[in-house]
Amino acid sequence: MYEGRADDQIKIRGFRVEPGETEAALLTHPQVTQAVVTVHQERLAAYLVVEGEGLAPEDVRRHVADRLPEHLVPSHVTVLDRLPLTPNGKIDKRALPAPAALSSGGRAPRTPLEETVLGLFARTLDTTAPLTIDDDFFHHGGHSLLGARLTNHIAGALDVRLTVRDVFQHPTAARLAAHIDSLRTAPARKARPALRRRNDTERISS
């Protein structure tokens, strides 16, 4: 279904990717008969036509994750009855519906730090929808600019300096809280011994 072309490359989180790689991996799933991948808020979004029932989005993502690097795994998976076509018979990407945010069905906060980070997630995303500590920041509308805003909120609330890369690498409240905790408890680097001036009487052994 996908015809690889260099000009189809896109940039996701600093990586140059071809959606066709993800589409090819999706089509190796026994239930997937058609697949197209687009970009939604700096994340890959997959649209599928499948055979049978009971195929969960997370099952699809795990299937791709077993075959491709993390940045090629779609953040959104939407199953359609059919893919929209143009009069020329090509997939009409403009007619695809907006992907729905994935819900992890995850856990409630277990520590005050997780509760604080989760609250900052909701504040940054400007959402009143219930979030869990296992929900991915980028699955709920987050992107690099909001990631930078989140790091500012964390700095103000927790006095911890993070980068947007930290958010991409730890996109759930549980993982980001664990990362923050590790930064707080990391032992300080041992200072290097002071340089000592060599005495003139010392000789360099041959």
N, C-alpha and C. Protein backbone atom coordinates (compact mmCIF):
# COMPACT_ATOMS: atom_id res chain seq x y z
N MET A 1 0.82 -1.19 0.00
CA MET A 1 0.00 0.00 0.00
C MET A 1 0.86 1.24 0.00
N TYR A 2 2.03 1.19 0.64
CA TYR A 2 2.87 2.36 0.72
C TYR A 2 3.99 2.30 -0.30
N GLU A 3 4.19 3.36 -1.03
CA GLU A 3 5.27 3.44 -1.98
C GLU A 3 6.31 4.40 -1.40
N GLY A 4 7.46 3.85 -0.96
CA GLY A 4 8.45 4.66 -0.28
C GLY A 4 9.05 5.72 -1.19
N ARG A 5 9.11 6.95 -0.68
CA ARG A 5 9.70 8.05 -1.42
C ARG A 5 10.46 8.93 -0.44
N ALA A 6 11.59 9.45 -0.89
CA ALA A 6 12.41 10.27 0.00
C ALA A 6 11.66 11.50 0.49
N ASP A 7 10.79 12.07 -0.40
CA ASP A 7 10.09 13.29 0.01
C ASP A 7 8.94 13.01 0.95
N ASP A 8 8.70 11.73 1.30
CA ASP A 8 7.70 11.40 2.30
C ASP A 8 8.30 11.42 3.71
N GLN A 9 9.60 11.68 3.82
CA GLN A 9 10.23 11.70 5.12
C GLN A 9 9.68 12.87 5.95
N ILE A 10 9.56 12.61 7.25
CA ILE A 10 9.12 13.64 8.18
C ILE A 10 10.05 13.60 9.38
N LYS A 11 10.01 14.63 10.18
CA LYS A 11 10.88 14.70 11.36
C LYS A 11 10.03 14.58 12.61
N ILE A 12 10.34 13.58 13.41
CA ILE A 12 9.63 13.33 14.66
C ILE A 12 10.65 13.27 15.78
N ARG A 13 10.54 14.18 16.74
CA ARG A 13 11.44 14.21 17.90
C ARG A 13 12.91 14.14 17.50
N GLY A 14 13.24 14.85 16.45
CA GLY A 14 14.63 14.91 16.03
C GLY A 14 15.04 13.79 15.10
N PHE A 15 14.18 12.81 14.87
CA PHE A 15 14.48 11.69 13.98
C PHE A 15 13.80 11.91 12.63
N ARG A 16 14.50 11.60 11.56
CA ARG A 16 13.88 11.59 10.24
C ARG A 16 13.30 10.20 10.01
N VAL A 17 12.01 10.15 9.77
CA VAL A 17 11.34 8.86 9.62
C VAL A 17 10.51 8.86 8.34
N GLU A 18 10.26 7.68 7.84
CA GLU A 18 9.37 7.48 6.71
C GLU A 18 8.14 6.73 7.22
N PRO A 19 6.96 7.32 7.11
CA PRO A 19 5.76 6.64 7.59
C PRO A 19 5.60 5.24 7.01
N GLY A 20 6.16 5.02 5.82
CA GLY A 20 6.03 3.70 5.20
C GLY A 20 6.67 2.59 6.01
N GLU A 21 7.71 2.91 6.80
CA GLU A 21 8.31 1.89 7.65
C GLU A 21 7.31 1.42 8.70
N THR A 22 6.58 2.37 9.27
CA THR A 22 5.57 2.02 10.27
C THR A 22 4.41 1.29 9.61
N GLU A 23 4.02 1.75 8.43
CA GLU A 23 2.92 1.10 7.72
C GLU A 23 3.27 -0.35 7.40
N ALA A 24 4.51 -0.59 6.97
CA ALA A 24 4.93 -1.96 6.65
C ALA A 24 4.89 -2.85 7.89
N ALA A 25 5.30 -2.30 9.04
CA ALA A 25 5.26 -3.08 10.27
C ALA A 25 3.83 -3.37 10.69
N LEU A 26 2.94 -2.39 10.50
CA LEU A 26 1.53 -2.59 10.85
C LEU A 26 0.92 -3.71 10.01
N LEU A 27 1.30 -3.76 8.74
CA LEU A 27 0.72 -4.76 7.83
C LEU A 27 1.20 -6.17 8.12
N THR A 28 2.22 -6.32 8.97
CA THR A 28 2.65 -7.68 9.35
C THR A 28 1.74 -8.27 10.43
N HIS A 29 0.88 -7.43 11.03
CA HIS A 29 -0.08 -7.97 12.01
C HIS A 29 -1.13 -8.77 11.26
N PRO A 30 -1.44 -9.97 11.73
CA PRO A 30 -2.36 -10.84 10.98
C PRO A 30 -3.77 -10.27 10.80
N GLN A 31 -4.19 -9.34 11.64
CA GLN A 31 -5.54 -8.79 11.52
C GLN A 31 -5.59 -7.52 10.68
N VAL A 32 -4.45 -6.91 10.41
CA VAL A 32 -4.42 -5.63 9.70
C VAL A 32 -4.37 -5.88 8.19
N THR A 33 -5.35 -5.35 7.48
CA THR A 33 -5.39 -5.52 6.02
C THR A 33 -4.97 -4.26 5.27
N GLN A 34 -5.18 -3.10 5.87
CA GLN A 34 -4.77 -1.84 5.27
C GLN A 34 -4.25 -0.93 6.38
N ALA A 35 -3.28 -0.08 6.03
CA ALA A 35 -2.72 0.83 7.04
C ALA A 35 -2.18 2.09 6.35
N VAL A 36 -2.40 3.21 6.99
CA VAL A 36 -1.80 4.46 6.55
C VAL A 36 -1.39 5.23 7.80
N VAL A 37 -0.25 5.91 7.72
CA VAL A 37 0.30 6.62 8.88
C VAL A 37 0.47 8.09 8.52
N THR A 38 -0.01 8.96 9.40
CA THR A 38 0.13 10.40 9.23
C THR A 38 0.78 10.98 10.49
N VAL A 39 0.87 12.30 10.54
CA VAL A 39 1.43 12.98 11.70
C VAL A 39 0.35 13.82 12.37
N HIS A 40 0.25 13.69 13.69
CA HIS A 40 -0.72 14.47 14.47
C HIS A 40 0.00 15.02 15.68
N GLN A 41 0.16 16.34 15.73
CA GLN A 41 0.81 17.01 16.86
C GLN A 41 2.16 16.38 17.18
N GLU A 42 2.99 16.28 16.15
CA GLU A 42 4.36 15.78 16.27
C GLU A 42 4.44 14.33 16.71
N ARG A 43 3.40 13.59 16.48
CA ARG A 43 3.38 12.15 16.78
C ARG A 43 2.78 11.40 15.60
N LEU A 44 3.18 10.14 15.44
CA LEU A 44 2.64 9.33 14.37
C LEU A 44 1.25 8.84 14.73
N ALA A 45 0.36 8.90 13.76
CA ALA A 45 -1.02 8.41 13.94
C ALA A 45 -1.29 7.37 12.87
N ALA A 46 -1.72 6.19 13.29
CA ALA A 46 -1.99 5.09 12.37
C ALA A 46 -3.50 4.91 12.20
N TYR A 47 -3.90 4.67 10.96
CA TYR A 47 -5.30 4.36 10.64
C TYR A 47 -5.32 2.99 9.98
N LEU A 48 -6.18 2.12 10.49
CA LEU A 48 -6.17 0.73 10.06
C LEU A 48 -7.54 0.26 9.60
N VAL A 49 -7.51 -0.71 8.69
CA VAL A 49 -8.67 -1.54 8.39
C VAL A 49 -8.27 -2.94 8.80
N VAL A 50 -9.12 -3.59 9.60
CA VAL A 50 -8.72 -4.88 10.17
C VAL A 50 -9.78 -5.94 9.90
N GLU A 51 -9.34 -7.18 10.02
CA GLU A 51 -10.26 -8.32 9.95
C GLU A 51 -10.56 -8.80 11.36
N GLY A 52 -11.82 -9.15 11.61
CA GLY A 52 -12.19 -9.65 12.92
C GLY A 52 -12.38 -8.52 13.92
N GLU A 53 -12.54 -8.90 15.18
CA GLU A 53 -12.78 -7.94 16.25
C GLU A 53 -11.79 -8.17 17.38
N GLY A 54 -11.81 -7.24 18.32
CA GLY A 54 -11.01 -7.41 19.53
C GLY A 54 -9.57 -6.95 19.42
N LEU A 55 -9.23 -6.21 18.36
CA LEU A 55 -7.86 -5.71 18.23
C LEU A 55 -7.76 -4.37 18.95
N ALA A 56 -7.05 -4.35 20.07
CA ALA A 56 -6.91 -3.14 20.87
C ALA A 56 -5.75 -2.28 20.36
N PRO A 57 -5.88 -0.95 20.45
CA PRO A 57 -4.78 -0.08 20.01
C PRO A 57 -3.44 -0.41 20.65
N GLU A 58 -3.45 -0.75 21.95
CA GLU A 58 -2.19 -1.05 22.62
C GLU A 58 -1.57 -2.34 22.09
N ASP A 59 -2.41 -3.28 21.65
CA ASP A 59 -1.88 -4.50 21.04
C ASP A 59 -1.15 -4.16 19.75
N VAL A 60 -1.72 -3.23 18.99
CA VAL A 60 -1.09 -2.81 17.73
C VAL A 60 0.24 -2.13 18.02
N ARG A 61 0.25 -1.24 19.01
CA ARG A 61 1.48 -0.51 19.33
C ARG A 61 2.57 -1.47 19.80
N ARG A 62 2.20 -2.47 20.60
CA ARG A 62 3.20 -3.45 21.05
C ARG A 62 3.74 -4.24 19.87
N HIS A 63 2.87 -4.56 18.93
CA HIS A 63 3.30 -5.31 17.75
C HIS A 63 4.35 -4.52 16.97
N VAL A 64 4.12 -3.22 16.80
CA VAL A 64 5.08 -2.39 16.09
C VAL A 64 6.35 -2.20 16.92
N ALA A 65 6.19 -2.02 18.22
CA ALA A 65 7.34 -1.80 19.10
C ALA A 65 8.30 -2.99 19.11
N ASP A 66 7.78 -4.18 18.84
CA ASP A 66 8.63 -5.37 18.78
C ASP A 66 9.48 -5.38 17.51
N ARG A 67 9.15 -4.51 16.56
CA ARG A 67 9.81 -4.55 15.25
C ARG A 67 10.56 -3.28 14.88
N LEU A 68 10.20 -2.16 15.53
CA LEU A 68 10.78 -0.88 15.14
C LEU A 68 11.21 -0.08 16.36
N PRO A 69 12.09 0.92 16.17
CA PRO A 69 12.47 1.80 17.28
C PRO A 69 11.27 2.57 17.81
N GLU A 70 11.41 3.08 19.02
CA GLU A 70 10.29 3.74 19.71
C GLU A 70 9.74 4.91 18.93
N HIS A 71 10.61 5.68 18.25
CA HIS A 71 10.11 6.87 17.55
C HIS A 71 9.30 6.52 16.31
N LEU A 72 9.29 5.23 15.90
CA LEU A 72 8.48 4.80 14.76
C LEU A 72 7.18 4.13 15.20
N VAL A 73 6.96 4.04 16.50
CA VAL A 73 5.73 3.42 17.01
C VAL A 73 4.63 4.48 17.04
N PRO A 74 3.47 4.23 16.43
CA PRO A 74 2.41 5.25 16.41
C PRO A 74 1.86 5.53 17.80
N SER A 75 1.69 6.79 18.09
CA SER A 75 1.09 7.18 19.38
C SER A 75 -0.42 7.01 19.36
N HIS A 76 -1.02 7.12 18.19
CA HIS A 76 -2.47 7.00 18.04
C HIS A 76 -2.77 5.87 17.05
N VAL A 77 -3.76 5.08 17.38
CA VAL A 77 -4.20 3.99 16.49
C VAL A 77 -5.72 4.08 16.36
N THR A 78 -6.18 4.26 15.14
CA THR A 78 -7.61 4.38 14.88
C THR A 78 -8.03 3.32 13.86
N VAL A 79 -9.03 2.54 14.21
CA VAL A 79 -9.54 1.50 13.31
C VAL A 79 -10.76 2.04 12.57
N LEU A 80 -10.75 1.94 11.25
CA LEU A 80 -11.85 2.42 10.40
C LEU A 80 -12.46 1.26 9.61
N ASP A 81 -13.69 1.44 9.19
CA ASP A 81 -14.32 0.45 8.33
C ASP A 81 -13.64 0.41 6.97
N ARG A 82 -13.20 1.57 6.52
CA ARG A 82 -12.49 1.67 5.25
C ARG A 82 -11.67 2.95 5.26
N LEU A 83 -10.63 3.01 4.41
CA LEU A 83 -9.82 4.21 4.28
C LEU A 83 -10.42 5.10 3.19
N PRO A 84 -10.55 6.39 3.43
CA PRO A 84 -11.13 7.28 2.42
C PRO A 84 -10.20 7.40 1.21
N LEU A 85 -10.78 7.46 0.03
CA LEU A 85 -10.01 7.51 -1.21
C LEU A 85 -10.33 8.78 -1.99
N THR A 86 -9.36 9.24 -2.74
CA THR A 86 -9.58 10.35 -3.66
C THR A 86 -10.21 9.80 -4.94
N PRO A 87 -10.70 10.67 -5.84
CA PRO A 87 -11.24 10.18 -7.12
C PRO A 87 -10.22 9.37 -7.92
N ASN A 88 -8.94 9.59 -7.66
CA ASN A 88 -7.90 8.84 -8.37
C ASN A 88 -7.60 7.50 -7.72
N GLY A 89 -8.29 7.19 -6.63
CA GLY A 89 -8.10 5.91 -5.97
C GLY A 89 -6.98 5.89 -4.96
N LYS A 90 -6.39 7.04 -4.65
CA LYS A 90 -5.34 7.11 -3.63
C LYS A 90 -5.97 7.44 -2.28
N ILE A 91 -5.25 7.12 -1.21
CA ILE A 91 -5.78 7.40 0.12
C ILE A 91 -5.87 8.91 0.33
N ASP A 92 -7.04 9.36 0.75
CA ASP A 92 -7.28 10.78 0.99
C ASP A 92 -6.99 11.08 2.46
N LYS A 93 -5.74 11.48 2.74
CA LYS A 93 -5.34 11.71 4.13
C LYS A 93 -6.09 12.89 4.75
N ARG A 94 -6.51 13.83 3.92
CA ARG A 94 -7.25 14.97 4.45
C ARG A 94 -8.63 14.58 4.97
N ALA A 95 -9.14 13.48 4.50
CA ALA A 95 -10.48 13.03 4.92
C ALA A 95 -10.43 12.13 6.16
N LEU A 96 -9.23 11.83 6.65
CA LEU A 96 -9.12 10.99 7.84
C LEU A 96 -9.58 11.75 9.07
N PRO A 97 -10.29 11.11 9.98
CA PRO A 97 -10.74 11.80 11.20
C PRO A 97 -9.57 12.07 12.13
N ALA A 98 -9.74 13.04 13.02
CA ALA A 98 -8.72 13.30 14.02
C ALA A 98 -8.62 12.11 14.95
N PRO A 99 -7.41 11.68 15.28
CA PRO A 99 -7.27 10.51 16.16
C PRO A 99 -7.69 10.83 17.58
N ALA A 100 -8.24 9.83 18.24
CA ALA A 100 -8.62 9.99 19.64
C ALA A 100 -7.41 9.69 20.52
N ALA A 101 -7.33 10.38 21.65
CA ALA A 101 -6.23 10.13 22.58
C ALA A 101 -6.36 8.72 23.15
N LEU A 102 -5.21 8.07 23.29
CA LEU A 102 -5.22 6.73 23.86
C LEU A 102 -5.35 6.80 25.37
N SER A 103 -6.11 5.91 25.93
CA SER A 103 -6.24 5.81 27.38
C SER A 103 -5.55 4.54 27.85
N SER A 104 -4.71 4.69 28.86
CA SER A 104 -3.95 3.54 29.33
C SER A 104 -4.73 2.66 30.30
N GLY A 105 -5.81 3.20 30.88
CA GLY A 105 -6.50 2.46 31.93
C GLY A 105 -5.57 2.24 33.10
N GLY A 106 -4.74 3.24 33.38
CA GLY A 106 -3.65 3.10 34.33
C GLY A 106 -4.02 3.39 35.77
N ARG A 107 -2.96 3.66 36.54
CA ARG A 107 -3.08 3.74 38.00
C ARG A 107 -3.25 5.17 38.50
N ALA A 108 -3.77 5.27 39.69
CA ALA A 108 -3.86 6.55 40.38
C ALA A 108 -2.51 6.84 41.02
N PRO A 109 -2.25 8.11 41.37
CA PRO A 109 -0.97 8.44 42.02
C PRO A 109 -0.76 7.67 43.32
N ARG A 110 0.48 7.24 43.53
CA ARG A 110 0.81 6.46 44.73
C ARG A 110 1.65 7.26 45.72
N THR A 111 2.22 8.37 45.27
CA THR A 111 3.07 9.19 46.12
C THR A 111 2.71 10.66 45.90
N PRO A 112 3.07 11.51 46.86
CA PRO A 112 2.83 12.95 46.66
C PRO A 112 3.53 13.49 45.41
N LEU A 113 4.71 12.96 45.08
CA LEU A 113 5.42 13.43 43.89
C LEU A 113 4.65 13.07 42.63
N GLU A 114 4.16 11.83 42.55
CA GLU A 114 3.37 11.43 41.38
C GLU A 114 2.10 12.28 41.27
N GLU A 115 1.49 12.59 42.41
CA GLU A 115 0.27 13.41 42.39
C GLU A 115 0.57 14.81 41.87
N THR A 116 1.72 15.36 42.29
CA THR A 116 2.10 16.70 41.84
C THR A 116 2.39 16.71 40.34
N VAL A 117 3.17 15.73 39.88
CA VAL A 117 3.52 15.67 38.46
C VAL A 117 2.27 15.48 37.61
N LEU A 118 1.36 14.62 38.07
CA LEU A 118 0.12 14.39 37.32
C LEU A 118 -0.70 15.67 37.26
N GLY A 119 -0.74 16.42 38.35
CA GLY A 119 -1.45 17.69 38.33
C GLY A 119 -0.84 18.68 37.36
N LEU A 120 0.48 18.65 37.25
CA LEU A 120 1.15 19.54 36.30
C LEU A 120 0.91 19.09 34.86
N PHE A 121 0.77 17.79 34.65
CA PHE A 121 0.36 17.28 33.33
C PHE A 121 -0.98 17.90 32.94
N ALA A 122 -1.96 17.78 33.84
CA ALA A 122 -3.31 18.27 33.54
C ALA A 122 -3.30 19.79 33.34
N ARG A 123 -2.52 20.50 34.15
CA ARG A 123 -2.44 21.96 34.03
C ARG A 123 -1.84 22.35 32.68
N THR A 124 -0.79 21.66 32.27
CA THR A 124 -0.12 21.99 31.01
C THR A 124 -1.00 21.66 29.81
N LEU A 125 -1.67 20.51 29.89
CA LEU A 125 -2.53 20.09 28.79
C LEU A 125 -3.86 20.83 28.79
N ASP A 126 -4.13 21.58 29.88
CA ASP A 126 -5.37 22.34 30.02
C ASP A 126 -6.57 21.43 29.81
N THR A 127 -6.58 20.33 30.56
CA THR A 127 -7.66 19.36 30.44
C THR A 127 -8.25 19.03 31.79
N THR A 128 -9.54 18.78 31.79
CA THR A 128 -10.21 18.31 33.00
C THR A 128 -10.51 16.82 32.90
N ALA A 129 -10.10 16.21 31.79
CA ALA A 129 -10.31 14.77 31.62
C ALA A 129 -9.47 14.01 32.65
N PRO A 130 -10.01 12.92 33.18
CA PRO A 130 -9.25 12.17 34.17
C PRO A 130 -7.99 11.56 33.56
N LEU A 131 -6.87 11.77 34.21
CA LEU A 131 -5.60 11.20 33.77
C LEU A 131 -5.07 10.27 34.83
N THR A 132 -4.30 9.29 34.42
CA THR A 132 -3.64 8.39 35.35
C THR A 132 -2.14 8.57 35.21
N ILE A 133 -1.40 8.00 36.13
CA ILE A 133 0.06 8.16 36.09
C ILE A 133 0.67 7.36 34.94
N ASP A 134 -0.12 6.54 34.26
CA ASP A 134 0.38 5.75 33.14
C ASP A 134 -0.03 6.34 31.79
N ASP A 135 -0.76 7.46 31.81
CA ASP A 135 -1.16 8.10 30.56
C ASP A 135 0.02 8.87 29.98
N ASP A 136 0.20 8.73 28.68
CA ASP A 136 1.30 9.38 27.97
C ASP A 136 0.95 10.85 27.71
N PHE A 137 1.84 11.74 28.11
CA PHE A 137 1.64 13.18 27.91
C PHE A 137 1.33 13.50 26.46
N PHE A 138 2.00 12.83 25.53
CA PHE A 138 1.87 13.15 24.11
C PHE A 138 0.65 12.48 23.48
N HIS A 139 0.07 11.51 24.15
CA HIS A 139 -1.16 10.90 23.65
C HIS A 139 -2.38 11.76 23.95
N HIS A 140 -2.20 12.75 24.81
CA HIS A 140 -3.33 13.59 25.22
C HIS A 140 -3.15 15.03 24.74
N GLY A 141 -2.51 15.18 23.60
CA GLY A 141 -2.38 16.51 23.00
C GLY A 141 -1.07 17.20 23.26
N GLY A 142 -0.18 16.58 24.01
CA GLY A 142 1.12 17.18 24.28
C GLY A 142 1.99 17.22 23.04
N HIS A 143 2.88 18.21 22.98
CA HIS A 143 3.86 18.30 21.90
C HIS A 143 5.08 19.03 22.47
N SER A 144 6.07 19.31 21.62
CA SER A 144 7.33 19.83 22.13
C SER A 144 7.17 21.17 22.85
N LEU A 145 6.31 22.06 22.33
CA LEU A 145 6.12 23.36 22.98
C LEU A 145 5.46 23.20 24.35
N LEU A 146 4.46 22.31 24.42
CA LEU A 146 3.83 22.06 25.72
C LEU A 146 4.78 21.32 26.64
N GLY A 147 5.66 20.48 26.05
CA GLY A 147 6.67 19.81 26.87
C GLY A 147 7.59 20.81 27.54
N ALA A 148 7.97 21.87 26.80
CA ALA A 148 8.80 22.93 27.38
C ALA A 148 8.04 23.66 28.49
N ARG A 149 6.74 23.88 28.27
CA ARG A 149 5.94 24.54 29.30
C ARG A 149 5.84 23.66 30.55
N LEU A 150 5.73 22.35 30.33
CA LEU A 150 5.68 21.43 31.47
C LEU A 150 6.96 21.50 32.29
N THR A 151 8.11 21.56 31.63
CA THR A 151 9.37 21.64 32.38
C THR A 151 9.44 22.93 33.19
N ASN A 152 8.85 24.01 32.68
CA ASN A 152 8.82 25.26 33.44
C ASN A 152 7.93 25.12 34.68
N HIS A 153 6.78 24.46 34.51
CA HIS A 153 5.89 24.25 35.66
C HIS A 153 6.59 23.38 36.71
N ILE A 154 7.31 22.36 36.25
CA ILE A 154 8.00 21.47 37.19
C ILE A 154 9.10 22.23 37.92
N ALA A 155 9.81 23.08 37.20
CA ALA A 155 10.86 23.88 37.84
C ALA A 155 10.28 24.78 38.92
N GLY A 156 9.12 25.38 38.63
CA GLY A 156 8.50 26.26 39.60
C GLY A 156 7.94 25.54 40.81
N ALA A 157 7.36 24.35 40.58
CA ALA A 157 6.70 23.62 41.67
C ALA A 157 7.66 22.75 42.46
N LEU A 158 8.66 22.18 41.78
CA LEU A 158 9.51 21.19 42.42
C LEU A 158 10.98 21.59 42.48
N ASP A 159 11.32 22.74 41.89
CA ASP A 159 12.71 23.21 41.87
C ASP A 159 13.64 22.17 41.26
N VAL A 160 13.17 21.58 40.16
CA VAL A 160 13.97 20.59 39.42
C VAL A 160 14.03 21.04 37.97
N ARG A 161 15.23 21.08 37.41
CA ARG A 161 15.41 21.52 36.03
C ARG A 161 15.41 20.33 35.09
N LEU A 162 14.44 20.26 34.20
CA LEU A 162 14.35 19.20 33.21
C LEU A 162 14.43 19.80 31.82
N THR A 163 14.64 18.95 30.84
CA THR A 163 14.63 19.37 29.44
C THR A 163 13.43 18.73 28.75
N VAL A 164 13.12 19.22 27.57
CA VAL A 164 12.04 18.61 26.79
C VAL A 164 12.39 17.16 26.47
N ARG A 165 13.68 16.88 26.26
CA ARG A 165 14.10 15.50 26.00
C ARG A 165 13.74 14.58 27.16
N ASP A 166 13.85 15.09 28.40
CA ASP A 166 13.45 14.29 29.57
C ASP A 166 11.97 13.92 29.48
N VAL A 167 11.16 14.86 29.02
CA VAL A 167 9.72 14.58 28.90
C VAL A 167 9.47 13.54 27.82
N PHE A 168 10.17 13.65 26.68
CA PHE A 168 10.00 12.66 25.62
C PHE A 168 10.45 11.28 26.09
N GLN A 169 11.51 11.22 26.87
CA GLN A 169 12.03 9.93 27.32
C GLN A 169 11.22 9.35 28.47
N HIS A 170 10.52 10.21 29.22
CA HIS A 170 9.71 9.76 30.37
C HIS A 170 8.33 10.41 30.25
N PRO A 171 7.51 9.96 29.29
CA PRO A 171 6.29 10.70 28.95
C PRO A 171 5.09 10.48 29.86
N THR A 172 5.19 9.59 30.85
CA THR A 172 4.08 9.41 31.79
C THR A 172 4.44 10.02 33.13
N ALA A 173 3.43 10.34 33.91
CA ALA A 173 3.69 10.92 35.23
C ALA A 173 4.47 9.97 36.11
N ALA A 174 4.20 8.67 35.99
CA ALA A 174 4.92 7.68 36.79
C ALA A 174 6.41 7.68 36.45
N ARG A 175 6.71 7.66 35.16
CA ARG A 175 8.11 7.60 34.74
C ARG A 175 8.83 8.92 34.99
N LEU A 176 8.13 10.03 34.78
CA LEU A 176 8.78 11.32 34.99
C LEU A 176 9.01 11.57 36.48
N ALA A 177 8.07 11.16 37.31
CA ALA A 177 8.26 11.30 38.76
C ALA A 177 9.45 10.45 39.23
N ALA A 178 9.56 9.23 38.68
CA ALA A 178 10.69 8.37 39.03
C ALA A 178 12.01 9.00 38.59
N HIS A 179 12.00 9.63 37.42
CA HIS A 179 13.20 10.30 36.93
C HIS A 179 13.56 11.48 37.83
N ILE A 180 12.57 12.26 38.21
CA ILE A 180 12.81 13.39 39.11
C ILE A 180 13.37 12.90 40.44
N ASP A 181 12.80 11.82 40.95
CA ASP A 181 13.26 11.26 42.22
C ASP A 181 14.71 10.80 42.11
N SER A 182 15.06 10.20 40.96
CA SER A 182 16.44 9.73 40.78
C SER A 182 17.41 10.91 40.73
N LEU A 183 16.98 12.03 40.16
CA LEU A 183 17.84 13.22 40.12
C LEU A 183 18.04 13.78 41.52
N ARG A 184 16.99 13.71 42.32
CA ARG A 184 17.09 14.23 43.68
C ARG A 184 18.00 13.39 44.57
N THR A 185 17.98 12.09 44.34
CA THR A 185 18.72 11.17 45.24
C THR A 185 20.06 10.75 44.67
N ALA A 186 20.39 11.19 43.46
CA ALA A 186 21.67 10.79 42.87
C ALA A 186 22.81 11.33 43.71
N PRO A 187 23.81 10.48 44.02
CA PRO A 187 24.95 10.97 44.81
C PRO A 187 25.73 12.01 44.02
N ALA A 188 26.23 12.98 44.74
CA ALA A 188 27.03 14.02 44.08
C ALA A 188 28.30 13.40 43.51
N ARG A 189 28.74 13.94 42.39
CA ARG A 189 29.96 13.43 41.78
C ARG A 189 31.14 13.66 42.71
N LYS A 190 32.00 12.66 42.78
CA LYS A 190 33.20 12.82 43.58
C LYS A 190 34.10 13.86 42.92
N ALA A 191 34.57 14.77 43.76
CA ALA A 191 35.45 15.81 43.22
C ALA A 191 36.78 15.21 42.81
N ARG A 192 37.32 15.70 41.72
CA ARG A 192 38.63 15.23 41.30
C ARG A 192 39.68 15.71 42.29
N PRO A 193 40.73 14.91 42.54
CA PRO A 193 41.79 15.37 43.44
C PRO A 193 42.47 16.61 42.88
N ALA A 194 42.83 17.49 43.77
CA ALA A 194 43.47 18.73 43.34
C ALA A 194 44.79 18.43 42.65
N LEU A 195 45.12 19.23 41.66
CA LEU A 195 46.40 19.07 40.98
C LEU A 195 47.53 19.44 41.92
N ARG A 196 48.61 18.66 41.87
CA ARG A 196 49.75 18.90 42.75
C ARG A 196 50.96 19.27 41.91
N ARG A 197 51.61 20.33 42.28
CA ARG A 197 52.80 20.76 41.55
C ARG A 197 53.93 19.76 41.80
N ARG A 198 54.57 19.32 40.75
CA ARG A 198 55.68 18.38 40.88
C ARG A 198 56.90 19.10 41.43
N ASN A 199 57.48 18.47 42.44
CA ASN A 199 58.69 19.04 43.03
C ASN A 199 59.84 18.95 42.03
N ASP A 200 60.68 19.97 41.99
CA ASP A 200 61.78 20.01 41.04
C ASP A 200 62.72 18.83 41.20
N THR A 201 62.75 18.24 42.43
CA THR A 201 63.67 17.13 42.65
C THR A 201 63.08 15.81 42.15
N GLU A 202 61.75 15.82 41.86
CA GLU A 202 61.11 14.58 41.37
C GLU A 202 61.54 14.35 39.93
N ARG A 203 61.80 13.13 39.58
CA ARG A 203 62.18 12.77 38.24
C ARG A 203 61.12 11.87 37.63
N ILE A 204 60.92 12.00 36.38
CA ILE A 204 59.98 11.14 35.69
C ILE A 204 60.69 9.85 35.39
N SER A 205 60.14 8.79 35.90
CA SER A 205 60.80 7.48 35.69
C SER A 205 60.72 7.10 34.24
N SER A 206 61.76 6.53 33.72
CA SER A 206 61.81 6.12 32.32
C SER A 206 61.23 4.75 32.14
